[in-house]
Amino acid sequence: MKKYRKILAMLAVLALVLVLSGCSNTPITDKSTGFWDGLIILNFSRAIIWLSNLFGHSYGLGIIVFTLIIRVIILPLMIFQTRNMVAMQEVQPQMKALQKQYSSRDMETQQKLQAEMKKLYAKHGVHPMASMLPLLVQLPILIALYQAIWRTQVLKTGSFLWLQLGSKDPYYVLPILATIFTFASSWLAMKSQPEQNGMTTSMTYLMPVIILITAINVPSALSLYWVISNAFQVGQTLLLQNPFKINREREEKQKAERERKRALEKARKRAIRNHKR
């Protein structure tokens, strides 16, 4: 049942992305109406333009600063989501052991499995669905930021460094950087997992390719957003899900557990010898 609830939640997130992404692509102006266009996208657009004027009418800097502000605002949600995800990864081996122990498909065995899984979650203070709510909050915000840049004509008319924000990057610098940062954040997150599967590995290498192909074919304003957002994601991953720190701590725990078991085994053997005497 939990498996199906998780699948339904994932489908709900995907549906939300599709609905918001499929909203009107007409340009955002002061006459835009409705909750999504008139309240959310329009105000995002105004904020970016205001920041651009603050930084010498540089729309590139406006996009960079606003992207960073949004990422910082949703950082507490990311911290909660990442911590729960890391904790879930740590209990994966124990979950698999329970599933192997209660592998029978009869109702009684499955009920025992669910009871043991609940105890395991409670012991480690995690919940399999806890990371879904932050994701549901983050996605509309990030999609709104994306659409504010995409649908605000003035943001695509300016220049920034070597870029014409409404045109593709002629030297492919931004697409390459977006690809590198996407791969780096995915790779770091993958390396922090105690067990890696084929799906995770495939997505780690597939997503950067998708980002590269897309970034090559969209205006530089969007490529700039992807570079900044994904670069922030790399720093966020190193801060919250640092694989080097996590793996070191994991190895220390495993070493301590092995030493504890050796000590118990020595104590057991010593007790047997003393008993024989």
Protein backbone atom coordinates (compact mmCIF):
# COMPACT_ATOMS: atom_id res chain seq x y z
CA MET A 1 0.00 0.00 0.00
CA LYS A 2 2.82 2.39 0.84
CA LYS A 3 4.39 1.60 -2.50
CA TYR A 4 1.20 2.61 -4.31
CA ARG A 5 0.80 5.78 -2.26
CA LYS A 6 4.34 6.78 -3.16
CA ILE A 7 3.67 6.14 -6.85
CA LEU A 8 0.47 8.20 -6.69
CA ALA A 9 2.33 11.06 -5.00
CA MET A 10 4.99 11.00 -7.69
CA LEU A 11 2.29 11.06 -10.37
CA ALA A 12 0.67 14.03 -8.61
CA VAL A 13 3.98 15.92 -8.69
CA LEU A 14 4.43 15.08 -12.37
CA ALA A 15 0.88 16.22 -13.12
CA LEU A 16 1.54 19.52 -11.33
CA VAL A 17 4.68 20.08 -13.39
CA LEU A 18 2.84 19.34 -16.64
CA VAL A 19 -0.08 21.61 -15.74
CA LEU A 20 2.10 24.56 -14.78
CA SER A 21 4.53 24.02 -17.64
CA GLY A 22 1.61 23.89 -20.03
CA CYS A 23 0.22 27.24 -18.96
CA SER A 24 -0.10 29.96 -21.59
CA ASN A 25 3.16 31.01 -23.20
CA THR A 26 1.84 34.45 -24.15
CA PRO A 27 4.10 37.35 -23.09
CA ILE A 28 3.68 38.64 -19.55
CA THR A 29 2.58 42.29 -19.38
CA ASP A 30 0.91 44.63 -16.88
CA LYS A 31 -2.41 43.48 -18.37
CA SER A 32 -1.82 39.80 -17.55
CA THR A 33 -4.61 38.41 -15.38
CA GLY A 34 -5.40 35.31 -13.40
CA PHE A 35 -3.77 33.74 -10.38
CA TRP A 36 -0.81 32.19 -12.21
CA ASP A 37 -0.09 34.83 -14.87
CA GLY A 38 -1.35 37.97 -13.15
CA LEU A 39 -0.29 37.30 -9.58
CA ILE A 40 2.68 34.90 -9.67
CA ILE A 41 4.47 35.25 -13.03
CA LEU A 42 3.88 39.00 -13.35
CA ASN A 43 5.29 39.76 -9.89
CA PHE A 44 8.28 37.52 -10.52
CA SER A 45 8.85 39.39 -13.77
CA ARG A 46 8.55 42.78 -12.05
CA ALA A 47 11.00 41.71 -9.34
CA ILE A 48 13.60 40.64 -11.92
CA ILE A 49 13.22 43.92 -13.83
CA TRP A 50 13.48 45.93 -10.59
CA LEU A 51 16.68 44.11 -9.66
CA SER A 52 17.99 44.64 -13.19
CA ASN A 53 17.46 48.39 -12.86
CA LEU A 54 19.15 48.28 -9.47
CA PHE A 55 22.24 46.77 -11.10
CA GLY A 56 22.65 49.28 -13.89
CA HIS A 57 19.82 48.00 -16.10
CA SER A 58 21.63 44.69 -16.52
CA TYR A 59 18.96 42.05 -17.15
CA GLY A 60 21.59 39.34 -16.88
CA LEU A 61 22.48 40.41 -13.33
CA GLY A 62 18.77 40.75 -12.52
CA ILE A 63 18.19 37.13 -13.55
CA ILE A 64 21.23 35.94 -11.57
CA VAL A 65 20.34 37.79 -8.36
CA PHE A 66 16.64 36.86 -8.42
CA THR A 67 17.47 33.21 -9.12
CA LEU A 68 19.80 33.19 -6.10
CA ILE A 69 17.18 34.90 -3.91
CA ILE A 70 14.56 32.28 -4.83
CA ARG A 71 16.99 29.43 -4.19
CA VAL A 72 17.86 30.86 -0.76
CA ILE A 73 14.16 31.31 0.14
CA ILE A 74 13.35 27.66 -0.60
CA LEU A 75 16.58 26.42 1.02
CA PRO A 76 14.86 25.46 4.34
CA LEU A 77 12.52 23.19 2.37
CA MET A 78 15.50 21.69 0.56
CA ILE A 79 17.26 21.08 3.88
CA PHE A 80 14.23 19.24 5.26
CA GLN A 81 13.80 17.21 2.08
CA THR A 82 17.49 16.31 1.80
CA ARG A 83 17.83 15.27 5.44
CA ASN A 84 14.81 13.00 5.16
CA MET A 85 16.13 11.57 1.89
CA VAL A 86 19.58 10.88 3.37
CA ALA A 87 17.99 9.21 6.40
CA MET A 88 15.85 7.07 4.08
CA GLN A 89 18.96 6.04 2.16
CA GLU A 90 20.64 4.97 5.39
CA VAL A 91 17.81 2.62 6.29
CA GLN A 92 17.59 1.07 2.81
CA PRO A 93 19.79 -1.95 3.71
CA GLN A 94 17.65 -2.65 6.78
CA MET A 95 14.47 -2.25 4.73
CA LYS A 96 15.74 -4.78 2.19
CA ALA A 97 16.65 -7.17 5.00
CA LEU A 98 13.10 -6.93 6.36
CA GLN A 99 11.63 -7.44 2.90
CA LYS A 100 13.78 -10.54 2.48
CA GLN A 101 12.82 -11.82 5.93
CA TYR A 102 9.09 -11.30 5.26
CA SER A 103 9.14 -12.20 1.57
CA SER A 104 5.98 -14.28 1.62
CA ARG A 105 3.04 -12.56 -0.10
CA ASP A 106 0.33 -13.78 2.27
CA MET A 107 -1.60 -11.12 4.18
CA GLU A 108 -0.31 -12.05 7.64
CA THR A 109 3.35 -11.85 6.57
CA GLN A 110 2.79 -8.55 4.78
CA GLN A 111 1.12 -7.10 7.86
CA LYS A 112 4.14 -8.11 9.93
CA LEU A 113 6.40 -6.49 7.33
CA GLN A 114 4.43 -3.24 7.48
CA ALA A 115 4.59 -3.25 11.29
CA GLU A 116 8.37 -3.80 11.25
CA MET A 117 8.81 -1.07 8.62
CA LYS A 118 6.85 1.37 10.80
CA LYS A 119 9.12 0.55 13.74
CA LEU A 120 12.18 1.10 11.55
CA TYR A 121 10.91 4.48 10.32
CA ALA A 122 10.04 5.57 13.86
CA LYS A 123 13.45 4.49 15.17
CA HIS A 124 15.28 6.60 12.60
CA GLY A 125 12.78 9.48 12.59
CA VAL A 126 11.93 9.28 8.89
CA HIS A 127 8.83 8.91 6.78
CA PRO A 128 8.84 7.71 3.17
CA MET A 129 6.45 10.49 2.09
CA ALA A 130 7.99 13.34 4.09
CA SER A 131 10.04 14.66 1.18
CA MET A 132 7.03 14.97 -1.14
CA LEU A 133 5.49 18.08 0.48
CA PRO A 134 8.62 20.24 0.13
CA LEU A 135 8.85 19.08 -3.49
CA LEU A 136 5.24 20.11 -4.14
CA VAL A 137 6.02 23.58 -2.75
CA GLN A 138 9.32 24.02 -4.60
CA LEU A 139 8.21 23.00 -8.08
CA PRO A 140 5.63 25.77 -8.67
CA ILE A 141 8.14 28.38 -7.48
CA LEU A 142 10.91 27.15 -9.78
CA ILE A 143 8.51 26.80 -12.72
CA ALA A 144 7.24 30.35 -12.06
CA LEU A 145 10.81 31.66 -12.13
CA TYR A 146 11.47 29.80 -15.38
CA GLN A 147 8.29 31.16 -17.01
CA ALA A 148 8.92 34.71 -15.76
CA ILE A 149 12.21 34.71 -17.67
CA TRP A 150 10.80 32.87 -20.69
CA ARG A 151 7.66 35.01 -21.07
CA THR A 152 8.98 38.50 -20.26
CA GLN A 153 9.99 40.06 -23.55
CA VAL A 154 12.18 42.78 -22.09
CA LEU A 155 14.36 40.20 -20.33
CA LYS A 156 15.21 38.73 -23.72
CA THR A 157 16.14 42.01 -25.39
CA GLY A 158 19.15 42.96 -23.27
CA SER A 159 22.76 41.91 -23.44
CA PHE A 160 25.03 40.46 -20.78
CA LEU A 161 28.75 39.85 -21.23
CA TRP A 162 29.01 38.24 -24.71
CA LEU A 163 25.34 37.25 -24.73
CA GLN A 164 22.22 38.57 -26.41
CA LEU A 165 19.72 37.28 -23.86
CA GLY A 166 17.04 36.64 -26.47
CA SER A 167 19.39 34.59 -28.67
CA LYS A 168 21.30 31.34 -28.26
CA ASP A 169 24.77 31.41 -26.75
CA PRO A 170 27.01 31.58 -29.87
CA TYR A 171 29.95 29.96 -28.08
CA TYR A 172 27.94 27.30 -26.16
CA VAL A 173 29.57 28.37 -22.88
CA LEU A 174 26.32 28.45 -20.89
CA PRO A 175 25.00 25.11 -22.21
CA ILE A 176 28.31 23.45 -21.33
CA LEU A 177 28.37 25.02 -17.85
CA ALA A 178 24.74 24.03 -17.24
CA THR A 179 25.61 20.46 -18.26
CA ILE A 180 28.67 20.33 -16.00
CA PHE A 181 26.79 21.65 -12.97
CA THR A 182 23.83 19.32 -13.59
CA PHE A 183 26.14 16.32 -13.78
CA ALA A 184 28.13 17.44 -10.72
CA SER A 185 25.07 17.79 -8.48
CA SER A 186 23.60 14.46 -9.68
CA TRP A 187 26.92 12.66 -9.29
CA LEU A 188 27.48 14.02 -5.78
CA ALA A 189 23.96 13.00 -4.73
CA MET A 190 24.43 9.52 -6.23
CA LYS A 191 27.77 8.99 -4.49
CA SER A 192 26.20 9.70 -1.10
CA GLN A 193 23.85 6.74 -1.44
CA PRO A 194 24.81 3.53 0.39
CA GLU A 195 23.53 1.49 -2.55
CA GLN A 196 23.33 2.61 -6.17
CA ASN A 197 20.93 1.20 -8.73
CA GLY A 198 20.77 1.28 -12.50
CA MET A 199 18.01 3.89 -12.62
CA THR A 200 19.95 6.38 -10.49
CA THR A 201 23.11 5.87 -12.51
CA SER A 202 21.25 6.23 -15.81
CA MET A 203 19.58 9.49 -14.74
CA THR A 204 22.91 10.86 -13.51
CA TYR A 205 24.27 10.62 -17.04
CA LEU A 206 21.05 11.18 -18.99
CA MET A 207 19.88 14.44 -17.39
CA PRO A 208 23.04 16.43 -18.29
CA VAL A 209 22.64 15.33 -21.92
CA ILE A 210 19.01 16.53 -21.92
CA ILE A 211 20.04 19.84 -20.35
CA LEU A 212 22.83 20.28 -22.93
CA ILE A 213 20.56 19.67 -25.92
CA THR A 214 17.85 21.95 -24.49
CA ALA A 215 20.20 24.76 -23.44
CA ILE A 216 21.78 24.86 -26.91
CA ASN A 217 18.36 25.58 -28.42
CA VAL A 218 16.86 28.15 -26.02
CA PRO A 219 17.59 31.86 -25.48
CA SER A 220 20.63 32.69 -23.36
CA ALA A 221 18.38 34.18 -20.66
CA LEU A 222 17.12 30.67 -19.86
CA SER A 223 20.56 29.09 -20.16
CA LEU A 224 21.83 31.69 -17.68
CA TYR A 225 19.06 30.73 -15.25
CA TRP A 226 19.98 27.04 -15.58
CA VAL A 227 23.68 27.72 -14.97
CA ILE A 228 23.06 29.76 -11.81
CA SER A 229 20.36 27.42 -10.48
CA ASN A 230 22.43 24.27 -11.08
CA ALA A 231 25.60 25.86 -9.71
CA PHE A 232 23.64 26.69 -6.55
CA GLN A 233 22.43 23.08 -6.50
CA VAL A 234 26.04 21.85 -6.51
CA GLY A 235 26.89 24.03 -3.51
CA GLN A 236 23.67 22.97 -1.79
CA THR A 237 24.48 19.28 -2.35
CA LEU A 238 27.99 19.73 -0.96
CA LEU A 239 26.50 21.46 2.08
CA LEU A 240 23.57 19.14 2.78
CA GLN A 241 24.47 15.85 1.11
CA ASN A 242 28.27 15.86 0.94
CA PRO A 243 29.15 12.32 -0.18
CA PHE A 244 32.69 12.53 1.15
CA LYS A 245 31.47 13.41 4.65
CA ILE A 246 28.51 11.00 4.54
CA ASN A 247 30.64 8.07 3.32
CA ARG A 248 33.31 8.81 5.93
CA GLU A 249 30.72 8.85 8.71
CA ARG A 250 29.12 5.70 7.30
CA GLU A 251 32.46 3.89 7.27
CA GLU A 252 33.15 5.00 10.85
CA LYS A 253 29.76 3.63 11.96
CA GLN A 254 30.37 0.36 10.14
CA LYS A 255 33.84 0.09 11.69
CA ALA A 256 32.43 0.77 15.16
CA GLU A 257 29.72 -1.85 14.60
CA ARG A 258 32.30 -4.44 13.47
CA GLU A 259 34.44 -3.72 16.51
CA ARG A 260 31.38 -4.03 18.76
CA LYS A 261 30.52 -7.40 17.24
CA ARG A 262 34.13 -8.61 17.59
CA ALA A 263 34.14 -7.52 21.22
CA LEU A 264 30.87 -9.38 21.85
CA GLU A 265 32.20 -12.49 20.11
CA LYS A 266 35.41 -12.38 22.18
CA ALA A 267 33.35 -11.97 25.35
CA ARG A 268 31.15 -14.92 24.33
CA LYS A 269 34.16 -17.16 23.65
CA ARG A 270 35.79 -16.10 26.93
CA ALA A 271 32.59 -16.92 28.80
CA ILE A 272 32.48 -20.38 27.16
CA ARG A 273 36.10 -21.08 28.13
CA ASN A 274 35.50 -19.98 31.71
CA HIS A 275 32.39 -22.14 31.89
CA LYS A 276 34.31 -25.23 30.73
CA ARG A 277 36.91 -24.71 33.45
